[in-house]
Protein backbone atom coordinates (compact mmCIF):
# COMPACT_ATOMS: atom_id res chain seq x y z
CA MET A 1 21.80 -33.06 7.11
CA SER A 2 23.43 -30.52 5.59
CA ARG A 3 22.33 -26.33 7.01
CA SER A 4 20.79 -26.08 3.29
CA THR A 5 18.65 -28.80 3.71
CA LEU A 6 17.59 -28.22 7.01
CA LEU A 7 17.18 -24.37 6.25
CA LYS A 8 14.64 -25.43 2.90
CA ALA A 9 13.47 -27.72 5.57
CA VAL A 10 12.47 -25.00 8.40
CA VAL A 11 10.93 -22.22 6.06
CA GLY A 12 8.78 -24.93 3.78
CA LEU A 13 7.63 -25.89 7.15
CA ALA A 14 6.90 -21.58 8.24
CA ILE A 15 5.50 -21.29 5.31
CA ILE A 16 3.04 -24.26 5.62
CA VAL A 17 1.89 -23.45 9.10
CA GLY A 18 1.61 -20.57 8.09
CA GLY A 19 -1.09 -20.26 5.79
CA ILE A 20 -2.83 -22.43 8.25
CA VAL A 21 -3.42 -20.04 10.69
CA VAL A 22 -4.15 -17.24 7.93
CA ILE A 23 -7.22 -19.78 6.68
CA ILE A 24 -7.89 -20.55 10.32
CA LYS A 25 -8.13 -16.96 11.28
CA ASP A 26 -9.99 -15.94 8.35
CA GLU A 27 -13.36 -15.26 9.56
CA PRO A 28 -16.17 -13.49 6.76
CA ALA A 29 -17.22 -10.28 8.19
CA ALA A 30 -20.58 -9.97 8.75
CA PRO A 31 -22.63 -7.41 6.35
CA THR A 32 -23.41 -4.70 7.55
CA GLY A 33 -26.20 -2.61 6.79
CA ASP A 34 -30.34 -4.19 5.80
CA ILE A 35 -29.78 -6.67 3.00
CA ASN A 36 -33.01 -6.52 2.76
CA SER A 37 -33.77 -3.21 1.14
CA ILE A 38 -33.98 -2.67 -2.50
CA GLU A 39 -33.54 1.05 -3.76
CA PRO A 40 -34.48 1.51 -6.85
CA LEU A 41 -31.02 3.74 -9.19
CA PRO A 42 -31.03 6.89 -9.57
CA GLU A 43 -32.42 7.37 -13.28
CA GLN A 44 -29.90 8.42 -15.67
CA ASP A 45 -29.88 11.23 -18.18
CA SER A 46 -30.39 10.28 -21.93
CA PRO A 47 -26.89 10.67 -23.85
CA ASP A 48 -26.82 13.37 -26.48
CA ARG A 49 -25.15 11.77 -29.54
């Protein structure tokens, strides 16, 4: 096996393994704050045209 082929195989394997690790470690963050309270938006001034 030539060096370039071996190098391509090692780099490809490292990219695949790195992607799998990122997918496994990626845990969604818990929402912060009270998601059950809904506050109305503040009233906006009417634009003068």
